PDB file of N, CA and C in Angstrom:
ATOM      1  N   MET A   1     -23.991  20.693  19.847  1.00  0.00           N
ATOM      2  CA  MET A   1     -23.617  19.367  20.180  1.00  0.00           C
ATOM      3  C   MET A   1     -23.795  18.924  21.899  1.00  0.00           C
ATOM      4  N   ALA A   2     -24.546  18.024  22.028  1.00  0.00           N
ATOM      5  CA  ALA A   2     -24.958  17.590  23.224  1.00  0.00           C
ATOM      6  C   ALA A   2     -23.656  16.849  23.616  1.00  0.00           C
ATOM      7  N   GLU A   3     -23.412  17.152  25.162  1.00  0.00           N
ATOM      8  CA  GLU A   3     -22.193  16.516  25.798  1.00  0.00           C
ATOM      9  C   GLU A   3     -22.874  15.081  26.298  1.00  0.00           C
ATOM     10  N   GLY A   4     -22.004  13.946  26.153  1.00  0.00           N
ATOM     11  CA  GLY A   4     -22.286  12.662  26.397  1.00  0.00           C
ATOM     12  C   GLY A   4     -21.591  12.072  27.443  1.00  0.00           C
ATOM     13  N   GLU A   5     -21.688  10.923  27.646  1.00  0.00           N
ATOM     14  CA  GLU A   5     -20.913   9.902  28.459  1.00  0.00           C
ATOM     15  C   GLU A   5     -19.607   9.961  28.265  1.00  0.00           C
ATOM     16  N   GLU A   6     -18.541   9.786  29.325  1.00  0.00           N
ATOM     17  CA  GLU A   6     -17.112   9.520  28.977  1.00  0.00           C
ATOM     18  C   GLU A   6     -17.137   7.893  29.080  1.00  0.00           C
ATOM     19  N   VAL A   7     -16.301   7.376  27.931  1.00  0.00           N
ATOM     20  CA  VAL A   7     -16.055   6.270  27.776  1.00  0.00           C
ATOM     21  C   VAL A   7     -14.641   5.770  27.481  1.00  0.00           C
ATOM     22  N   SER A   8     -14.205   4.619  27.547  1.00  0.00           N
ATOM     23  CA  SER A   8     -12.782   3.994  27.315  1.00  0.00           C
ATOM     24  C   SER A   8     -12.787   3.917  25.809  1.00  0.00           C
ATOM     25  N   ASN A   9     -11.809   4.350  25.190  1.00  0.00           N
ATOM     26  CA  ASN A   9     -11.704   4.077  23.650  1.00  0.00           C
ATOM     27  C   ASN A   9     -10.009   3.135  23.528  1.00  0.00           C
ATOM     28  N   LYS A  10      -9.966   2.221  22.812  1.00  0.00           N
ATOM     29  CA  LYS A  10      -9.130   1.336  22.550  1.00  0.00           C
ATOM     30  C   LYS A  10      -8.545   1.738  21.203  1.00  0.00           C
ATOM     31  N   GLN A  11      -7.402   2.051  21.106  1.00  0.00           N
ATOM     32  CA  GLN A  11      -6.866   2.190  19.551  1.00  0.00           C
ATOM     33  C   GLN A  11      -5.483   1.175  19.487  1.00  0.00           C
ATOM     34  N   VAL A  12      -5.490   0.699  18.013  1.00  0.00           N
ATOM     35  CA  VAL A  12      -4.356  -0.253  17.674  1.00  0.00           C
ATOM     36  C   VAL A  12      -3.219   0.556  16.932  1.00  0.00           C
ATOM     37  N   ILE A  13      -2.322   1.090  17.266  1.00  0.00           N
ATOM     38  CA  ILE A  13      -1.173   1.771  16.727  1.00  0.00           C
ATOM     39  C   ILE A  13       0.014   1.071  16.130  1.00  0.00           C
ATOM     40  N   LEU A  14       0.330   1.484  14.870  1.00  0.00           N
ATOM     41  CA  LEU A  14       1.483   0.852  14.084  1.00  0.00           C
ATOM     42  C   LEU A  14       2.681   1.498  14.458  1.00  0.00           C
ATOM     43  N   THR A  15       3.341   0.757  15.170  1.00  0.00           N
ATOM     44  CA  THR A  15       4.689   1.576  16.002  1.00  0.00           C
ATOM     45  C   THR A  15       5.784   1.782  15.175  1.00  0.00           C
ATOM     46  N   GLU A  16       5.857   0.874  14.050  1.00  0.00           N
ATOM     47  CA  GLU A  16       6.984   1.007  13.049  1.00  0.00           C
ATOM     48  C   GLU A  16       6.554   0.236  11.856  1.00  0.00           C
ATOM     49  N   TYR A  17       7.348   0.569  10.339  1.00  0.00           N
ATOM     50  CA  TYR A  17       6.733  -0.288   9.452  1.00  0.00           C
ATOM     51  C   TYR A  17       7.411  -1.573   9.670  1.00  0.00           C
ATOM     52  N   VAL A  18       6.474  -2.409   8.898  1.00  0.00           N
ATOM     53  CA  VAL A  18       6.517  -3.876   8.948  1.00  0.00           C
ATOM     54  C   VAL A  18       7.544  -4.446   7.998  1.00  0.00           C
ATOM     55  N   LYS A  19       8.136  -5.451   8.580  1.00  0.00           N
ATOM     56  CA  LYS A  19       9.150  -6.013   7.658  1.00  0.00           C
ATOM     57  C   LYS A  19       9.179  -7.501   7.617  1.00  0.00           C
ATOM     58  N   GLY A  20       8.737  -8.016   6.573  1.00  0.00           N
ATOM     59  CA  GLY A  20       7.997  -9.630   6.482  1.00  0.00           C
ATOM     60  C   GLY A  20       6.675  -9.753   7.012  1.00  0.00           C
ATOM     61  N   PHE A  21       6.482 -10.619   8.030  1.00  0.00           N
ATOM     62  CA  PHE A  21       5.276 -10.776   8.558  1.00  0.00           C
ATOM     63  C   PHE A  21       5.030  -9.958   9.615  1.00  0.00           C
ATOM     64  N   PRO A  22       3.759  -9.243  10.054  1.00  0.00           N
ATOM     65  CA  PRO A  22       3.678  -8.402  11.209  1.00  0.00           C
ATOM     66  C   PRO A  22       3.605  -9.353  12.259  1.00  0.00           C
ATOM     67  N   LYS A  23       4.432  -8.527  13.282  1.00  0.00           N
ATOM     68  CA  LYS A  23       4.627  -9.107  14.777  1.00  0.00           C
ATOM     69  C   LYS A  23       3.728  -8.287  15.733  1.00  0.00           C
ATOM     70  N   GLU A  24       3.469  -9.080  16.913  1.00  0.00           N
ATOM     71  CA  GLU A  24       2.717  -8.147  18.024  1.00  0.00           C
ATOM     72  C   GLU A  24       3.651  -7.028  18.268  1.00  0.00           C
ATOM     73  N   SER A  25       4.979  -7.031  18.162  1.00  0.00           N
ATOM     74  CA  SER A  25       5.768  -5.907  18.489  1.00  0.00           C
ATOM     75  C   SER A  25       5.856  -4.792  17.568  1.00  0.00           C
ATOM     76  N   ASP A  26       5.010  -5.066  16.549  1.00  0.00           N
ATOM     77  CA  ASP A  26       5.066  -3.817  15.580  1.00  0.00           C
ATOM     78  C   ASP A  26       3.846  -2.916  15.838  1.00  0.00           C
ATOM     79  N   PHE A  27       2.983  -3.238  17.020  1.00  0.00           N
ATOM     80  CA  PHE A  27       1.877  -2.693  17.275  1.00  0.00           C
ATOM     81  C   PHE A  27       1.885  -2.383  18.593  1.00  0.00           C
ATOM     82  N   GLU A  28       0.882  -1.166  19.228  1.00  0.00           N
ATOM     83  CA  GLU A  28       0.821  -0.745  20.617  1.00  0.00           C
ATOM     84  C   GLU A  28      -0.866  -0.598  20.687  1.00  0.00           C
ATOM     85  N   VAL A  29      -1.044  -1.068  21.598  1.00  0.00           N
ATOM     86  CA  VAL A  29      -2.581  -0.790  21.795  1.00  0.00           C
ATOM     87  C   VAL A  29      -2.790   0.567  22.945  1.00  0.00           C
ATOM     88  N   ARG A  30      -3.242   1.591  22.775  1.00  0.00           N
ATOM     89  CA  ARG A  30      -3.517   2.756  23.701  1.00  0.00           C
ATOM     90  C   ARG A  30      -4.942   2.601  24.079  1.00  0.00           C
ATOM     91  N   THR A  31      -5.016   3.139  25.391  1.00  0.00           N
ATOM     92  CA  THR A  31      -6.381   3.342  25.825  1.00  0.00           C
ATOM     93  C   THR A  31      -6.391   4.826  26.525  1.00  0.00           C
ATOM     94  N   SER A  32      -7.522   5.233  25.803  1.00  0.00           N
ATOM     95  CA  SER A  32      -7.753   6.811  26.454  1.00  0.00           C
ATOM     96  C   SER A  32      -9.324   6.807  26.506  1.00  0.00           C
ATOM     97  N   LYS A  33      -9.818   7.892  27.152  1.00  0.00           N
ATOM     98  CA  LYS A  33     -11.009   8.427  27.297  1.00  0.00           C
ATOM     99  C   LYS A  33     -11.650   9.377  26.304  1.00  0.00           C
ATOM    100  N   ILE A  34     -12.841   9.063  25.649  1.00  0.00           N
ATOM    101  CA  ILE A  34     -13.581   9.900  24.823  1.00  0.00           C
ATOM    102  C   ILE A  34     -15.028  10.341  25.395  1.00  0.00           C
ATOM    103  N   ARG A  35     -15.489  11.497  25.071  1.00  0.00           N
ATOM    104  CA  ARG A  35     -16.634  11.710  25.446  1.00  0.00           C
ATOM    105  C   ARG A  35     -17.646  11.689  24.127  1.00  0.00           C
ATOM    106  N   LEU A  36     -18.694  10.793  24.360  1.00  0.00           N
ATOM    107  CA  LEU A  36     -19.576  10.501  23.189  1.00  0.00           C
ATOM    108  C   LEU A  36     -20.306  11.820  22.937  1.00  0.00           C
ATOM    109  N   LYS A  37     -20.455  12.214  21.686  1.00  0.00           N
ATOM    110  CA  LYS A  37     -21.373  13.164  21.367  1.00  0.00           C
ATOM    111  C   LYS A  37     -21.913  13.014  20.018  1.00  0.00           C
ATOM    112  N   VAL A  38     -23.240  13.491  20.023  1.00  0.00           N
ATOM    113  CA  VAL A  38     -24.151  13.343  19.039  1.00  0.00           C
ATOM    114  C   VAL A  38     -24.622  14.524  18.872  1.00  0.00           C
ATOM    115  N   PRO A  39     -24.829  15.068  17.521  1.00  0.00           N
ATOM    116  CA  PRO A  39     -25.605  16.725  17.337  1.00  0.00           C
ATOM    117  C   PRO A  39     -26.912  16.544  17.757  1.00  0.00           C
ATOM    118  N   GLU A  40     -27.365  17.412  18.194  1.00  0.00           N
ATOM    119  CA  GLU A  40     -28.770  17.652  18.938  1.00  0.00           C
ATOM    120  C   GLU A  40     -29.465  17.721  17.675  1.00  0.00           C
ATOM    121  N   GLY A  41     -30.623  16.983  17.824  1.00  0.00           N
ATOM    122  CA  GLY A  41     -31.604  17.185  16.757  1.00  0.00           C
ATOM    123  C   GLY A  41     -31.228  16.241  15.297  1.00  0.00           C
ATOM    124  N   SER A  42     -30.307  15.483  15.524  1.00  0.00           N
ATOM    125  CA  SER A  42     -29.823  14.725  14.419  1.00  0.00           C
ATOM    126  C   SER A  42     -30.306  13.353  14.500  1.00  0.00           C
ATOM    127  N   ASP A  43     -30.105  12.405  13.499  1.00  0.00           N
ATOM    128  CA  ASP A  43     -30.723  11.021  13.598  1.00  0.00           C
ATOM    129  C   ASP A  43     -29.532  10.141  13.457  1.00  0.00           C
ATOM    130  N   ALA A  44     -28.341  10.793  14.121  1.00  0.00           N
ATOM    131  CA  ALA A  44     -27.176   9.894  14.202  1.00  0.00           C
ATOM    132  C   ALA A  44     -27.159   9.108  15.052  1.00  0.00           C
ATOM    133  N   VAL A  45     -26.156   7.709  15.154  1.00  0.00           N
ATOM    134  CA  VAL A  45     -26.262   6.867  15.833  1.00  0.00           C
ATOM    135  C   VAL A  45     -24.783   6.498  16.050  1.00  0.00           C
ATOM    136  N   LEU A  46     -24.522   6.212  17.375  1.00  0.00           N
ATOM    137  CA  LEU A  46     -23.244   5.973  18.022  1.00  0.00           C
ATOM    138  C   LEU A  46     -23.067   4.387  17.637  1.00  0.00           C
ATOM    139  N   VAL A  47     -22.086   3.805  17.056  1.00  0.00           N
ATOM    140  CA  VAL A  47     -21.395   2.193  16.861  1.00  0.00           C
ATOM    141  C   VAL A  47     -20.387   1.839  17.640  1.00  0.00           C
ATOM    142  N   LYS A  48     -20.484   0.567  18.354  1.00  0.00           N
ATOM    143  CA  LYS A  48     -19.444   0.377  19.080  1.00  0.00           C
ATOM    144  C   LYS A  48     -18.908  -0.880  18.306  1.00  0.00           C
ATOM    145  N   ASN A  49     -17.465  -0.639  17.919  1.00  0.00           N
ATOM    146  CA  ASN A  49     -16.831  -1.823  17.119  1.00  0.00           C
ATOM    147  C   ASN A  49     -16.497  -2.934  18.248  1.00  0.00           C
ATOM    148  N   LEU A  50     -16.612  -4.250  17.940  1.00  0.00           N
ATOM    149  CA  LEU A  50     -16.181  -5.269  18.769  1.00  0.00           C
ATOM    150  C   LEU A  50     -15.039  -5.845  18.245  1.00  0.00           C
ATOM    151  N   TYR A  51     -14.716  -6.029  17.102  1.00  0.00           N
ATOM    152  CA  TYR A  51     -13.696  -6.642  16.513  1.00  0.00           C
ATOM    153  C   TYR A  51     -12.744  -5.914  15.732  1.00  0.00           C
ATOM    154  N   LEU A  52     -11.693  -6.085  15.508  1.00  0.00           N
ATOM    155  CA  LEU A  52     -10.605  -5.332  14.425  1.00  0.00           C
ATOM    156  C   LEU A  52     -10.228  -6.463  13.474  1.00  0.00           C
ATOM    157  N   SER A  53     -10.659  -6.008  12.241  1.00  0.00           N
ATOM    158  CA  SER A  53     -10.332  -6.622  10.910  1.00  0.00           C
ATOM    159  C   SER A  53      -8.895  -6.238  10.618  1.00  0.00           C
ATOM    160  N   CYS A  54      -7.916  -6.935  10.278  1.00  0.00           N
ATOM    161  CA  CYS A  54      -6.692  -6.811   9.554  1.00  0.00           C
ATOM    162  C   CYS A  54      -6.726  -7.475   8.205  1.00  0.00           C
ATOM    163  N   ASP A  55      -7.247  -6.673   7.141  1.00  0.00           N
ATOM    164  CA  ASP A  55      -7.374  -7.053   5.811  1.00  0.00           C
ATOM    165  C   ASP A  55      -6.244  -7.069   4.994  1.00  0.00           C
ATOM    166  N   PRO A  56      -6.182  -8.123   4.050  1.00  0.00           N
ATOM    167  CA  PRO A  56      -4.722  -8.279   3.257  1.00  0.00           C
ATOM    168  C   PRO A  56      -4.194  -6.854   2.620  1.00  0.00           C
ATOM    169  N   TYR A  57      -5.214  -6.049   2.137  1.00  0.00           N
ATOM    170  CA  TYR A  57      -4.706  -4.746   1.436  1.00  0.00           C
ATOM    171  C   TYR A  57      -3.748  -3.879   2.555  1.00  0.00           C
ATOM    172  N   MET A  58      -4.089  -4.113   3.938  1.00  0.00           N
ATOM    173  CA  MET A  58      -3.544  -3.282   4.727  1.00  0.00           C
ATOM    174  C   MET A  58      -1.894  -3.660   5.021  1.00  0.00           C
ATOM    175  N   ARG A  59      -1.646  -4.875   4.747  1.00  0.00           N
ATOM    176  CA  ARG A  59      -0.264  -5.089   4.699  1.00  0.00           C
ATOM    177  C   ARG A  59       0.683  -4.281   3.862  1.00  0.00           C
ATOM    178  N   SER A  60       0.107  -3.748   2.734  1.00  0.00           N
ATOM    179  CA  SER A  60       0.980  -3.109   1.881  1.00  0.00           C
ATOM    180  C   SER A  60       1.003  -1.442   2.368  1.00  0.00           C
ATOM    181  N   ARG A  61       0.053  -1.068   3.191  1.00  0.00           N
ATOM    182  CA  ARG A  61      -0.045   0.176   4.020  1.00  0.00           C
ATOM    183  C   ARG A  61       0.919   0.114   5.197  1.00  0.00           C
ATOM    184  N   MET A  62       1.357  -0.917   5.659  1.00  0.00           N
ATOM    185  CA  MET A  62       2.105  -1.093   6.943  1.00  0.00           C
ATOM    186  C   MET A  62       3.523  -1.347   6.483  1.00  0.00           C
ATOM    187  N   GLN A  63       3.868  -1.192   5.338  1.00  0.00           N
ATOM    188  CA  GLN A  63       5.314  -1.373   4.618  1.00  0.00           C
ATOM    189  C   GLN A  63       5.786  -0.269   4.148  1.00  0.00           C
ATOM    190  N   LYS A  64       6.934   0.195   4.061  1.00  0.00           N
ATOM    191  CA  LYS A  64       7.613   1.414   3.635  1.00  0.00           C
ATOM    192  C   LYS A  64       8.267   0.860   2.131  1.00  0.00           C
ATOM    193  N   LEU A  65       7.663   0.856   0.981  1.00  0.00           N
ATOM    194  CA  LEU A  65       8.351   0.257  -0.267  1.00  0.00           C
ATOM    195  C   LEU A  65       8.801   1.523  -1.116  1.00  0.00           C
ATOM    196  N   GLU A  66      10.078   1.641  -0.880  1.00  0.00           N
ATOM    197  CA  GLU A  66      10.633   2.687  -1.867  1.00  0.00           C
ATOM    198  C   GLU A  66      10.261   2.440  -3.348  1.00  0.00           C
ATOM    199  N   GLY A  67       9.974   3.653  -4.262  1.00  0.00           N
ATOM    200  CA  GLY A  67       9.713   3.498  -5.516  1.00  0.00           C
ATOM    201  C   GLY A  67       8.638   2.611  -6.006  1.00  0.00           C
ATOM    202  N   ALA A  68       7.767   2.054  -5.039  1.00  0.00           N
ATOM    203  CA  ALA A  68       6.671   1.166  -5.396  1.00  0.00           C
ATOM    204  C   ALA A  68       5.397   1.999  -5.677  1.00  0.00           C
ATOM    205  N   TYR A  69       4.569   1.674  -6.589  1.00  0.00           N
ATOM    206  CA  TYR A  69       3.362   2.431  -7.063  1.00  0.00           C
ATOM    207  C   TYR A  69       2.568   1.993  -5.955  1.00  0.00           C
ATOM    208  N   ARG A  70       1.568   3.139  -5.656  1.00  0.00           N
ATOM    209  CA  ARG A  70       0.501   2.761  -4.577  1.00  0.00           C
ATOM    210  C   ARG A  70      -0.593   3.493  -5.092  1.00  0.00           C
ATOM    211  N   TYR A  71      -1.708   3.026  -4.768  1.00  0.00           N
ATOM    212  CA  TYR A  71      -3.002   3.288  -5.098  1.00  0.00           C
ATOM    213  C   TYR A  71      -3.433   4.209  -3.877  1.00  0.00           C
ATOM    214  N   VAL A  72      -2.938   3.940  -2.524  1.00  0.00           N
ATOM    215  CA  VAL A  72      -3.134   4.589  -1.437  1.00  0.00           C
ATOM    216  C   VAL A  72      -1.818   4.703  -0.469  1.00  0.00           C
ATOM    217  N   GLU A  73      -1.624   5.889   0.111  1.00  0.00           N
ATOM    218  CA  GLU A  73      -0.495   5.819   0.901  1.00  0.00           C
ATOM    219  C   GLU A  73      -0.437   4.839   2.070  1.00  0.00           C
ATOM    220  N   PRO A  74       0.984   4.665   2.616  1.00  0.00           N
ATOM    221  CA  PRO A  74       1.082   3.975   3.477  1.00  0.00           C
ATOM    222  C   PRO A  74       0.857   4.432   4.885  1.00  0.00           C
ATOM    223  N   PHE A  75       0.528   3.745   5.922  1.00  0.00           N
ATOM    224  CA  PHE A  75      -0.021   4.280   7.316  1.00  0.00           C
ATOM    225  C   PHE A  75       1.534   4.873   7.883  1.00  0.00           C
ATOM    226  N   THR A  76       1.042   5.995   8.542  1.00  0.00           N
ATOM    227  CA  THR A  76       2.336   6.756   9.220  1.00  0.00           C
ATOM    228  C   THR A  76       2.537   6.072  10.848  1.00  0.00           C
ATOM    229  N   PRO A  77       3.814   5.274  11.102  1.00  0.00           N
ATOM    230  CA  PRO A  77       3.745   4.688  12.255  1.00  0.00           C
ATOM    231  C   PRO A  77       3.784   5.765  13.309  1.00  0.00           C
ATOM    232  N   GLY A  78       2.587   5.511  14.420  1.00  0.00           N
ATOM    233  CA  GLY A  78       2.659   6.188  15.676  1.00  0.00           C
ATOM    234  C   GLY A  78       1.468   7.188  15.429  1.00  0.00           C
ATOM    235  N   SER A  79       0.845   7.589  14.467  1.00  0.00           N
ATOM    236  CA  SER A  79      -0.478   8.085  14.174  1.00  0.00           C
ATOM    237  C   SER A  79      -1.588   7.324  14.061  1.00  0.00           C
ATOM    238  N   VAL A  80      -2.681   8.194  14.297  1.00  0.00           N
ATOM    239  CA  VAL A  80      -3.884   7.561  14.140  1.00  0.00           C
ATOM    240  C   VAL A  80      -4.655   7.835  12.846  1.00  0.00           C
ATOM    241  N   SER A  81      -4.807   6.846  11.943  1.00  0.00           N
ATOM    242  CA  SER A  81      -5.692   7.112  10.764  1.00  0.00           C
ATOM    243  C   SER A  81      -6.951   6.781  10.677  1.00  0.00           C
TER     244      SER A  81
END
């Protein structure tokens, strides 16, 4: 892998399970540094996201619903998924 430029990386982290409507205090914005890497000889492309979309299905993943059927597991507060 070729070493690349070091850039700033922002992450929106769920800090605790949401009760009711999501609030700004339920999230934390973390900034870190990452080094861009593309495998040598590959046709890979690096993409920069400009917007964060919070889709309706994500609301159920931000809640801890005991005994509820889920087709996908909830997010774990504090982790990067």
